[in-house]
C-alpha atoms as a PDB file:
ATOM      1  CA  MET A   1       0.000   0.000   0.000  1.00  0.00           C
ATOM      2  CA  ASP A   2       1.373   3.438  -0.906  1.00  0.00           C
ATOM      3  CA  ALA A   3       1.948   6.108   1.736  1.00  0.00           C
ATOM      4  CA  VAL A   4      -1.108   8.202   0.875  1.00  0.00           C
ATOM      5  CA  SER A   5      -3.425   5.181   1.068  1.00  0.00           C
ATOM      6  CA  ARG A   6      -1.913   4.182   4.402  1.00  0.00           C
ATOM      7  CA  ILE A   7      -2.497   7.666   5.807  1.00  0.00           C
ATOM      8  CA  GLU A   8      -6.061   7.949   4.517  1.00  0.00           C
ATOM      9  CA  GLN A   9      -6.933   4.536   5.932  1.00  0.00           C
ATOM     10  CA  ALA A  10      -5.445   5.416   9.334  1.00  0.00           C
ATOM     11  CA  LEU A  11      -7.319   8.731   9.400  1.00  0.00           C
ATOM     12  CA  ASP A  12     -10.593   7.077   8.467  1.00  0.00           C
ATOM     13  CA  GLN A  13     -10.183   4.487  11.217  1.00  0.00           C
ATOM     14  CA  ALA A  14      -9.495   7.275  13.713  1.00  0.00           C
ATOM     15  CA  ILE A  15     -12.592   9.235  12.735  1.00  0.00           C
ATOM     16  CA  ILE A  16     -14.714   6.070  12.868  1.00  0.00           C
ATOM     17  CA  GLN A  17     -13.739   5.830  16.555  1.00  0.00           C
ATOM     18  CA  ALA A  18     -15.276   9.284  17.070  1.00  0.00           C
ATOM     19  CA  GLU A  19     -18.438   8.246  15.233  1.00  0.00           C
ATOM     20  CA  ALA A  20     -19.194   5.328  17.570  1.00  0.00           C
ATOM     21  CA  PRO A  21     -22.803   4.843  18.708  1.00  0.00           C
ATOM     22  CA  GLY A  22     -23.827   7.436  21.249  1.00  0.00           C
ATOM     23  CA  ALA A  23     -21.640  10.210  19.818  1.00  0.00           C
ATOM     24  CA  PRO A  24     -23.296  13.601  19.160  1.00  0.00           C
ATOM     25  CA  PRO A  25     -23.932  13.422  15.405  1.00  0.00           C
ATOM     26  CA  GLY A  26     -23.249  17.096  14.731  1.00  0.00           C
ATOM     27  CA  LEU A  27     -19.812  17.012  16.335  1.00  0.00           C
ATOM     28  CA  ALA A  28     -18.939  13.707  14.658  1.00  0.00           C
ATOM     29  CA  ALA A  29     -19.918  15.167  11.280  1.00  0.00           C
ATOM     30  CA  ALA A  30     -17.883  18.329  11.918  1.00  0.00           C
ATOM     31  CA  MET A  31     -14.819  16.242  12.769  1.00  0.00           C
ATOM     32  CA  ARG A  32     -15.063  14.191   9.574  1.00  0.00           C
ATOM     33  CA  TYR A  33     -15.648  17.376   7.569  1.00  0.00           C
ATOM     34  CA  SER A  34     -12.483  18.844   9.113  1.00  0.00           C
ATOM     35  CA  VAL A  35     -10.346  15.924   7.964  1.00  0.00           C
ATOM     36  CA  PHE A  36     -11.875  14.770   4.649  1.00  0.00           C
ATOM     37  CA  PRO A  37     -11.214  15.472   1.889  1.00  0.00           C
ATOM     38  CA  GLY A  38      -7.748  16.481   2.954  1.00  0.00           C
ATOM     39  CA  GLY A  39      -5.125  18.750   1.516  1.00  0.00           C
ATOM     40  CA  ALA A  40      -1.683  17.577   0.447  1.00  0.00           C
ATOM     41  CA  ARG A  41      -1.126  15.641   3.711  1.00  0.00           C
ATOM     42  CA  ILE A  42       2.464  16.864   3.484  1.00  0.00           C
ATOM     43  CA  ARG A  43       3.246  16.487   7.203  1.00  0.00           C
ATOM     44  CA  SER A  44       1.861  12.969   7.487  1.00  0.00           C
ATOM     45  CA  ARG A  45       3.507  11.926   4.206  1.00  0.00           C
ATOM     46  CA  LEU A  46       6.799  13.274   5.490  1.00  0.00           C
ATOM     47  CA  CYS A  47       6.358  11.260   8.682  1.00  0.00           C
ATOM     48  CA  VAL A  48       5.785   8.022   6.750  1.00  0.00           C
ATOM     49  CA  ALA A  49       8.681   8.828   4.378  1.00  0.00           C
ATOM     50  CA  VAL A  50      11.109   9.280   7.279  1.00  0.00           C
ATOM     51  CA  ALA A  51       9.863   6.072   8.903  1.00  0.00           C
ATOM     52  CA  ALA A  52      10.475   4.282   5.604  1.00  0.00           C
ATOM     53  CA  ALA A  53      13.959   5.784   5.345  1.00  0.00           C
ATOM     54  CA  CYS A  54      14.670   4.444   8.853  1.00  0.00           C
ATOM     55  CA  GLY A  55      13.462   0.913   8.113  1.00  0.00           C
ATOM     56  CA  ASP A  56       9.737   1.130   8.983  1.00  0.00           C
ATOM     57  CA  ASP A  57       9.840  -1.928  11.259  1.00  0.00           C
ATOM     58  CA  ASP A  58       6.408  -1.125  12.776  1.00  0.00           C
ATOM     59  CA  PRO A  59       4.175   0.171   9.961  1.00  0.00           C
ATOM     60  CA  ALA A  60       1.101   0.296  12.224  1.00  0.00           C
ATOM     61  CA  LEU A  61       2.865   2.703  14.561  1.00  0.00           C
ATOM     62  CA  ALA A  62       4.184   4.768  11.659  1.00  0.00           C
ATOM     63  CA  ASP A  63       0.660   5.052  10.244  1.00  0.00           C
ATOM     64  CA  ALA A  64      -0.814   5.982  13.623  1.00  0.00           C
ATOM     65  CA  THR A  65       1.911   8.574  14.162  1.00  0.00           C
ATOM     66  CA  ALA A  66       1.317  10.093  10.734  1.00  0.00           C
ATOM     67  CA  ALA A  67      -2.433  10.162  11.361  1.00  0.00           C
ATOM     68  CA  SER A  68      -1.940  11.879  14.728  1.00  0.00           C
ATOM     69  CA  ILE A  69       0.215  14.548  13.078  1.00  0.00           C
ATOM     70  CA  GLU A  70      -2.466  15.139  10.440  1.00  0.00           C
ATOM     71  CA  LEU A  71      -5.282  15.278  12.996  1.00  0.00           C
ATOM     72  CA  LEU A  72      -3.380  17.927  14.931  1.00  0.00           C
ATOM     73  CA  HIS A  73      -2.820  19.902  11.751  1.00  0.00           C
ATOM     74  CA  CYS A  74      -6.515  19.721  10.856  1.00  0.00           C
ATOM     75  CA  ALA A  75      -7.429  20.859  14.362  1.00  0.00           C
ATOM     76  CA  SER A  76      -5.129  23.863  14.002  1.00  0.00           C
ATOM     77  CA  LEU A  77      -6.834  24.835  10.742  1.00  0.00           C
ATOM     78  CA  VAL A  78     -10.289  24.664  12.322  1.00  0.00           C
ATOM     79  CA  HIS A  79      -9.174  26.943  15.155  1.00  0.00           C
ATOM     80  CA  ASP A  80      -7.199  29.232  12.831  1.00  0.00           C
ATOM     81  CA  ASP A  81     -10.320  29.905  10.740  1.00  0.00           C
ATOM     82  CA  LEU A  82     -12.509  30.864  13.724  1.00  0.00           C
ATOM     83  CA  PRO A  83     -13.968  34.398  13.908  1.00  0.00           C
ATOM     84  CA  CYS A  84     -11.666  35.255  16.826  1.00  0.00           C
ATOM     85  CA  PHE A  85      -8.631  34.648  14.607  1.00  0.00           C
ATOM     86  CA  ASP A  86      -8.822  34.760  10.785  1.00  0.00           C
ATOM     87  CA  ASP A  87     -12.622  34.630  10.455  1.00  0.00           C
ATOM     88  CA  ALA A  88     -12.096  32.718   7.203  1.00  0.00           C
ATOM     89  CA  ASP A  89     -15.141  31.807   5.130  1.00  0.00           C
ATOM     90  CA  THR A  90     -13.434  29.054   3.150  1.00  0.00           C
ATOM     91  CA  ARG A  91     -10.857  26.331   3.589  1.00  0.00           C
ATOM     92  CA  ARG A  92      -9.733  23.872   0.919  1.00  0.00           C
ATOM     93  CA  GLY A  93     -12.179  25.422  -1.519  1.00  0.00           C
ATOM     94  CA  ARG A  94     -15.346  24.975   0.558  1.00  0.00           C
ATOM     95  CA  PRO A  95     -16.955  26.580   3.625  1.00  0.00           C
ATOM     96  CA  SER A  96     -14.748  26.558   6.701  1.00  0.00           C
ATOM     97  CA  VAL A  97     -15.923  24.396   9.593  1.00  0.00           C
ATOM     98  CA  HIS A  98     -17.442  27.245  11.583  1.00  0.00           C
ATOM     99  CA  ARG A  99     -19.357  28.386   8.493  1.00  0.00           C
ATOM    100  CA  ALA A 100     -20.644  24.875   7.800  1.00  0.00           C
ATOM    101  CA  PHE A 101     -21.433  23.777  11.372  1.00  0.00           C
ATOM    102  CA  GLY A 102     -21.452  26.913  13.501  1.00  0.00           C
ATOM    103  CA  GLU A 103     -18.816  28.365  15.788  1.00  0.00           C
ATOM    104  CA  ARG A 104     -19.592  26.227  18.843  1.00  0.00           C
ATOM    105  CA  LEU A 105     -19.221  22.914  17.002  1.00  0.00           C
ATOM    106  CA  ALA A 106     -16.092  24.196  15.245  1.00  0.00           C
ATOM    107  CA  VAL A 107     -14.411  24.917  18.592  1.00  0.00           C
ATOM    108  CA  LEU A 108     -15.413  21.485  19.882  1.00  0.00           C
ATOM    109  CA  ALA A 109     -14.333  19.759  16.656  1.00  0.00           C
ATOM    110  CA  GLY A 110     -10.864  21.258  16.918  1.00  0.00           C
ATOM    111  CA  ASP A 111     -10.604  20.282  20.584  1.00  0.00           C
ATOM    112  CA  ALA A 112     -11.855  16.752  19.930  1.00  0.00           C
ATOM    113  CA  LEU A 113      -9.416  16.259  17.027  1.00  0.00           C
ATOM    114  CA  ILE A 114      -6.510  17.127  19.336  1.00  0.00           C
ATOM    115  CA  VAL A 115      -7.636  14.502  21.837  1.00  0.00           C
ATOM    116  CA  LEU A 116      -8.263  11.983  19.058  1.00  0.00           C
ATOM    117  CA  ALA A 117      -4.720  12.498  17.771  1.00  0.00           C
ATOM    118  CA  PHE A 118      -3.216  11.277  21.044  1.00  0.00           C
ATOM    119  CA  GLN A 119      -5.740   8.433  21.342  1.00  0.00           C
ATOM    120  CA  THR A 120      -4.754   7.315  17.839  1.00  0.00           C
ATOM    121  CA  LEU A 121      -1.060   7.451  18.690  1.00  0.00           C
ATOM    122  CA  ALA A 122      -1.587   5.402  21.841  1.00  0.00           C
ATOM    123  CA  ARG A 123      -3.609   2.739  20.018  1.00  0.00           C
ATOM    124  CA  GLY A 124      -0.915   2.453  17.352  1.00  0.00           C
ATOM    125  CA  ALA A 125       1.823   1.586  19.855  1.00  0.00           C
ATOM    126  CA  LEU A 126       0.396  -1.743  20.993  1.00  0.00           C
ATOM    127  CA  ALA A 127       3.191  -3.770  19.342  1.00  0.00           C
ATOM    128  CA  THR A 128       6.039  -1.488  20.492  1.00  0.00           C
ATOM    129  CA  PRO A 129       4.811   0.262  23.675  1.00  0.00           C
ATOM    130  CA  SER A 130       8.358   1.258  24.656  1.00  0.00           C
ATOM    131  CA  ARG A 131       8.293   3.873  21.887  1.00  0.00           C
ATOM    132  CA  LEU A 132       5.086   5.559  23.030  1.00  0.00           C
ATOM    133  CA  GLY A 133       6.555   7.769  25.755  1.00  0.00           C
ATOM    134  CA  VAL A 134       9.032   9.598  23.537  1.00  0.00           C
ATOM    135  CA  LEU A 135       6.458   9.888  20.767  1.00  0.00           C
ATOM    136  CA  LEU A 136       3.859  11.456  23.059  1.00  0.00           C
ATOM    137  CA  THR A 137       6.438  13.896  24.422  1.00  0.00           C
ATOM    138  CA  SER A 138       7.668  14.947  20.986  1.00  0.00           C
ATOM    139  CA  VAL A 139       4.266  15.248  19.335  1.00  0.00           C
ATOM    140  CA  GLY A 140       2.796  16.993  22.387  1.00  0.00           C
ATOM    141  CA  ALA A 141       5.572  19.594  22.367  1.00  0.00           C
ATOM    142  CA  SER A 142       4.710  20.491  18.781  1.00  0.00           C
ATOM    143  CA  VAL A 143       1.215  21.706  19.643  1.00  0.00           C
ATOM    144  CA  GLY A 144       1.560  23.203  23.116  1.00  0.00           C
ATOM    145  CA  MET A 145       3.660  25.749  24.942  1.00  0.00           C
ATOM    146  CA  PRO A 146       6.229  27.191  24.826  1.00  0.00           C
ATOM    147  CA  LEU A 147       7.159  26.465  21.215  1.00  0.00           C
ATOM    148  CA  GLY A 148       4.239  24.630  19.583  1.00  0.00           C
ATOM    149  CA  ILE A 149       1.240  25.605  17.484  1.00  0.00           C
ATOM    150  CA  ALA A 150      -0.587  27.199  20.425  1.00  0.00           C
ATOM    151  CA  ALA A 151       2.423  29.434  21.002  1.00  0.00           C
ATOM    152  CA  GLY A 152       2.523  30.311  17.313  1.00  0.00           C
ATOM    153  CA  GLN A 153      -1.124  31.318  17.364  1.00  0.00           C
ATOM    154  CA  ALA A 154      -0.512  33.341  20.526  1.00  0.00           C
ATOM    155  CA  TRP A 155       2.261  35.348  18.850  1.00  0.00           C
ATOM    156  CA  GLU A 156      -0.466  36.849  16.663  1.00  0.00           C
ATOM    157  CA  CYS A 157      -1.865  38.400  19.841  1.00  0.00           C
ATOM    158  CA  GLU A 158       1.430  40.134  20.729  1.00  0.00           C
ATOM    159  CA  THR A 159       2.432  43.643  19.654  1.00  0.00           C
ATOM    160  CA  GLU A 160       6.033  42.683  18.825  1.00  0.00           C
ATOM    161  CA  VAL A 161       6.788  39.464  16.974  1.00  0.00           C
ATOM    162  CA  ASP A 162      10.011  37.924  15.696  1.00  0.00           C
ATOM    163  CA  LEU A 163       9.219  36.440  12.283  1.00  0.00           C
ATOM    164  CA  SER A 164      11.439  33.390  12.769  1.00  0.00           C
ATOM    165  CA  ASP A 165      10.030  32.601  16.234  1.00  0.00           C
ATOM    166  CA  TYR A 166       6.487  32.961  14.924  1.00  0.00           C
ATOM    167  CA  GLN A 167       7.051  30.741  11.894  1.00  0.00           C
ATOM    168  CA  GLN A 168       8.924  28.096  13.844  1.00  0.00           C
ATOM    169  CA  ALA A 169       6.139  27.775  16.419  1.00  0.00           C
ATOM    170  CA  LYS A 170       3.090  28.071  14.192  1.00  0.00           C
ATOM    171  CA  THR A 171       4.361  25.898  11.328  1.00  0.00           C
ATOM    172  CA  GLY A 172       7.838  24.531  11.944  1.00  0.00           C
ATOM    173  CA  ALA A 173       7.061  22.729  15.201  1.00  0.00           C
ATOM    174  CA  LEU A 174       4.658  20.263  13.617  1.00  0.00           C
ATOM    175  CA  PHE A 175       7.036  19.627  10.718  1.00  0.00           C
ATOM    176  CA  SER A 176       9.809  18.857  13.202  1.00  0.00           C
ATOM    177  CA  ALA A 177       7.425  16.535  15.018  1.00  0.00           C
ATOM    178  CA  ALA A 178       6.652  14.796  11.721  1.00  0.00           C
ATOM    179  CA  THR A 179      10.294  14.055  10.885  1.00  0.00           C
ATOM    180  CA  MET A 180      11.385  13.190  14.410  1.00  0.00           C
ATOM    181  CA  ALA A 181       8.300  11.100  15.185  1.00  0.00           C
ATOM    182  CA  GLY A 182       8.685   9.260  11.887  1.00  0.00           C
ATOM    183  CA  ALA A 183      12.157   8.214  12.979  1.00  0.00           C
ATOM    184  CA  MET A 184      10.972   7.319  16.500  1.00  0.00           C
ATOM    185  CA  ALA A 185       8.122   5.212  15.128  1.00  0.00           C
ATOM    186  CA  ALA A 186      10.735   3.137  13.297  1.00  0.00           C
ATOM    187  CA  GLY A 187      12.931   2.811  16.376  1.00  0.00           C
ATOM    188  CA  ALA A 188      15.583   5.261  15.150  1.00  0.00           C
ATOM    189  CA  ALA A 189      17.148   8.250  16.888  1.00  0.00           C
ATOM    190  CA  ALA A 190      15.017  11.367  16.505  1.00  0.00           C
ATOM    191  CA  GLU A 191      17.513  14.205  16.931  1.00  0.00           C
ATOM    192  CA  PRO A 192      19.302  13.772  13.569  1.00  0.00           C
ATOM    193  CA  TRP A 193      15.954  14.446  11.863  1.00  0.00           C
ATOM    194  CA  ARG A 194      15.112  17.660  13.734  1.00  0.00           C
ATOM    195  CA  LEU A 195      16.827  20.077  11.333  1.00  0.00           C
ATOM    196  CA  LEU A 196      15.011  18.604   8.346  1.00  0.00           C
ATOM    197  CA  GLY A 197      11.655  19.326   9.960  1.00  0.00           C
ATOM    198  CA  GLU A 198      12.662  22.802  11.085  1.00  0.00           C
ATOM    199  CA  ARG A 199      13.849  23.837   7.633  1.00  0.00           C
ATOM    200  CA  LEU A 200      10.832  22.333   5.883  1.00  0.00           C
ATOM    201  CA  GLY A 201       8.444  23.972   8.321  1.00  0.00           C
ATOM    202  CA  GLU A 202       9.935  27.395   7.727  1.00  0.00           C
ATOM    203  CA  ALA A 203       9.995  26.751   3.975  1.00  0.00           C
ATOM    204  CA  TYR A 204       6.320  25.834   4.035  1.00  0.00           C
ATOM    205  CA  GLN A 205       5.441  29.015   5.930  1.00  0.00           C
ATOM    206  CA  VAL A 206       7.468  31.187   3.529  1.00  0.00           C
ATOM    207  CA  ALA A 207       5.674  29.541   0.610  1.00  0.00           C
ATOM    208  CA  ASP A 208       2.334  30.145   2.306  1.00  0.00           C
ATOM    209  CA  ASP A 209       3.246  33.806   2.811  1.00  0.00           C
ATOM    210  CA  ILE A 210       4.087  34.061  -0.894  1.00  0.00           C
ATOM    211  CA  ARG A 211       0.817  32.427  -1.922  1.00  0.00           C
ATOM    212  CA  ASP A 212      -1.131  34.783   0.320  1.00  0.00           C
ATOM    213  CA  VAL A 213       0.199  37.686  -1.759  1.00  0.00           C
ATOM    214  CA  VAL A 214       0.461  36.213  -5.250  1.00  0.00           C
ATOM    215  CA  SER A 215      -2.300  33.588  -5.536  1.00  0.00           C
ATOM    216  CA  ASP A 216      -6.028  34.099  -5.810  1.00  0.00           C
ATOM    217  CA  ALA A 217      -8.606  32.485  -3.564  1.00  0.00           C
ATOM    218  CA  THR A 218      -9.538  29.898  -6.198  1.00  0.00           C
ATOM    219  CA  GLU A 219      -5.974  28.609  -6.519  1.00  0.00           C
ATOM    220  CA  LEU A 220      -5.321  28.741  -2.780  1.00  0.00           C
ATOM    221  CA  GLY A 221      -8.674  27.365  -1.592  1.00  0.00           C
ATOM    222  CA  LYS A 222      -8.914  30.000   1.165  1.00  0.00           C
ATOM    223  CA  PRO A 223      -9.011  33.807   1.362  1.00  0.00           C
ATOM    224  CA  THR A 224      -5.872  35.664   0.228  1.00  0.00           C
ATOM    225  CA  GLY A 225      -4.375  38.915   1.465  1.00  0.00           C
ATOM    226  CA  GLN A 226      -4.948  37.832   5.058  1.00  0.00           C
ATOM    227  CA  ASP A 227      -1.439  38.598   6.334  1.00  0.00           C
ATOM    228  CA  ALA A 228      -1.633  42.259   5.343  1.00  0.00           C
ATOM    229  CA  ALA A 229      -5.262  42.594   6.425  1.00  0.00           C
ATOM    230  CA  LEU A 230      -4.632  41.103   9.878  1.00  0.00           C
ATOM    231  CA  GLY A 231      -1.165  42.575  10.410  1.00  0.00           C
ATOM    232  CA  ARG A 232       0.481  39.166  10.693  1.00  0.00           C
ATOM    233  CA  PRO A 233       4.220  38.557  10.235  1.00  0.00           C
ATOM    234  CA  SER A 234       4.977  37.614   6.632  1.00  0.00           C
ATOM    235  CA  ALA A 235       8.186  36.765   4.789  1.00  0.00           C
ATOM    236  CA  ALA A 236       6.644  37.972   1.528  1.00  0.00           C
ATOM    237  CA  LEU A 237       5.746  41.359   3.010  1.00  0.00           C
ATOM    238  CA  GLN A 238       9.074  41.773   4.821  1.00  0.00           C
ATOM    239  CA  LEU A 239      11.405  40.496   2.086  1.00  0.00           C
ATOM    240  CA  GLY A 240       9.366  41.137  -1.061  1.00  0.00           C
ATOM    241  CA  ILE A 241       8.421  38.320  -3.427  1.00  0.00           C
ATOM    242  CA  PRO A 242      11.908  37.852  -5.008  1.00  0.00           C
ATOM    243  CA  GLY A 243      13.523  37.832  -1.563  1.00  0.00           C
ATOM    244  CA  ALA A 244      10.957  35.389  -0.208  1.00  0.00           C
ATOM    245  CA  VAL A 245      11.470  33.017  -3.162  1.00  0.00           C
ATOM    246  CA  GLU A 246      15.222  33.176  -2.595  1.00  0.00           C
ATOM    247  CA  ARG A 247      14.698  32.431   1.091  1.00  0.00           C
ATOM    248  CA  LEU A 248      12.512  29.461   0.161  1.00  0.00           C
ATOM    249  CA  GLU A 249      15.231  28.090  -2.106  1.00  0.00           C
ATOM    250  CA  HIS A 250      17.849  28.344   0.643  1.00  0.00           C
ATOM    251  CA  LEU A 251      15.579  26.607   3.159  1.00  0.00           C
ATOM    252  CA  ALA A 252      14.780  23.784   0.734  1.00  0.00           C
ATOM    253  CA  ALA A 253      18.480  23.285  -0.018  1.00  0.00           C
ATOM    254  CA  ASP A 254      19.307  23.227   3.698  1.00  0.00           C
ATOM    255  CA  ALA A 255      16.512  20.719   4.285  1.00  0.00           C
ATOM    256  CA  MET A 256      17.752  18.327   1.629  1.00  0.00           C
ATOM    257  CA  ALA A 257      21.346  18.655   2.848  1.00  0.00           C
ATOM    258  CA  SER A 258      20.286  17.876   6.421  1.00  0.00           C
ATOM    259  CA  ILE A 259      18.897  14.411   5.644  1.00  0.00           C
ATOM    260  CA  PRO A 260      20.966  11.879   7.615  1.00  0.00           C
ATOM    261  CA  ASP A 261      22.807   9.159   5.744  1.00  0.00           C
ATOM    262  CA  CYS A 262      20.263   6.371   5.285  1.00  0.00           C
ATOM    263  CA  PRO A 263      19.054   3.983   2.548  1.00  0.00           C
ATOM    264  CA  GLY A 264      16.053   6.184   1.754  1.00  0.00           C
ATOM    265  CA  ALA A 265      17.901   9.503   1.475  1.00  0.00           C
ATOM    266  CA  ALA A 266      17.683   9.886  -2.327  1.00  0.00           C
ATOM    267  CA  PRO A 267      13.912   9.381  -2.704  1.00  0.00           C
ATOM    268  CA  LEU A 268      13.333  11.592   0.322  1.00  0.00           C
ATOM    269  CA  ARG A 269      15.307  14.427  -1.304  1.00  0.00           C
ATOM    270  CA  ALA A 270      13.298  13.997  -4.487  1.00  0.00           C
ATOM    271  CA  LEU A 271      10.036  14.146  -2.528  1.00  0.00           C
ATOM    272  CA  ILE A 272      11.101  17.346  -0.774  1.00  0.00           C
ATOM    273  CA  ARG A 273      12.103  19.015  -4.041  1.00  0.00           C
ATOM    274  CA  LEU A 274       8.766  18.199  -5.640  1.00  0.00           C
ATOM    275  CA  GLU A 275       6.763  19.307  -2.613  1.00  0.00           C
ATOM    276  CA  VAL A 276       8.513  22.665  -2.339  1.00  0.00           C
ATOM    277  CA  LEU A 277       7.990  23.340  -6.045  1.00  0.00           C
ATOM    278  CA  ARG A 278       4.333  22.395  -5.667  1.00  0.00           C
ATOM    279  CA  LEU A 279       3.932  24.910  -2.858  1.00  0.00           C
ATOM    280  CA  LEU A 280       4.940  27.824  -5.053  1.00  0.00           C
ATOM    281  CA  PRO A 281       2.239  29.573  -7.109  1.00  0.00           C
ATOM    282  CA  LYS A 282       2.337  28.355 -10.696  1.00  0.00           C
ATOM    283  CA  SER A 283       3.381  31.787 -11.903  1.00  0.00           C
ATOM    284  CA  LEU A 284       6.517  31.693  -9.739  1.00  0.00           C
ATOM    285  CA  ALA A 285       7.634  28.064 -10.057  1.00  0.00           C
ATOM    286  CA  PRO A 286       9.896  28.773 -13.091  1.00  0.00           C
ATOM    287  CA  THR A 287      11.792  31.407 -11.057  1.00  0.00           C
ATOM    288  CA  ALA A 288      12.901  28.892  -8.439  1.00  0.00           C
ATOM    289  CA  ARG A 289      16.190  28.294 -10.201  1.00  0.00           C
ATOM    290  CA  THR A 290      17.938  26.210  -7.551  1.00  0.00           C
ATOM    291  CA  LEU A 291      15.037  23.800  -7.153  1.00  0.00           C
ATOM    292  CA  VAL A 292      14.377  23.411 -10.865  1.00  0.00           C
ATOM    293  CA  ALA A 293      18.058  22.766 -11.579  1.00  0.00           C
ATOM    294  CA  ALA A 294      18.525  20.320  -8.725  1.00  0.00           C
END
């Protein structure tokens, strides 16, 4: 089974747990709506790819870990779109969760997805329970305080924000969790994979900043111009589009160079190159000289 199919199956099994008899139907529906159909699943695919590069000796745990990462990401999107933050009408080309189900169920859906992520991770570690502790610690750190997604969202409430700190917490932390947890799920050391996640997370955020300026809502699947409208830190606004594209190229190169020596290094580099190119708006992809030439 390919990586995408493995992830989708693990996510579906997780959501089915939330849809068990007796569950409030509105909340169960909002949770499924939040997860399916998904986006690129880049974080969960990265997790499975790193597990594969490290031997993937417990595929069930790798799949559960990838699913937990994706559930946490989906939860962050639900909360990010709420009226108290971005007040976004659309996500992935359709009404955002709070528009489709109401604000109260959207808040609960995001909360429940966070809990479900850790339940899914715990259930996946039945064959190798000795790995669960480090996985819970690493994944938990990526969404909490002081340096996880919650911290990244909180930086938007501060009057002074360091762009790198903001991007690392809001986006980079979950990417680092994906690479490190992928290694841990396969019984490998996590620390050598940290830099890969950090660089990819920052690259993803830079690309998102660029798309917010250059793309239209149809291409992006969500409102554009949000960074300027909400006064959020943005690489595209601070560096200009050419500078932001150059920064993206440097981050992608650093990410590929950081991959530890392992049997799966070459396909992992190819995956990263393709994903970073895909993140750029179509109009800018030809200008990414380093990535195209690589």
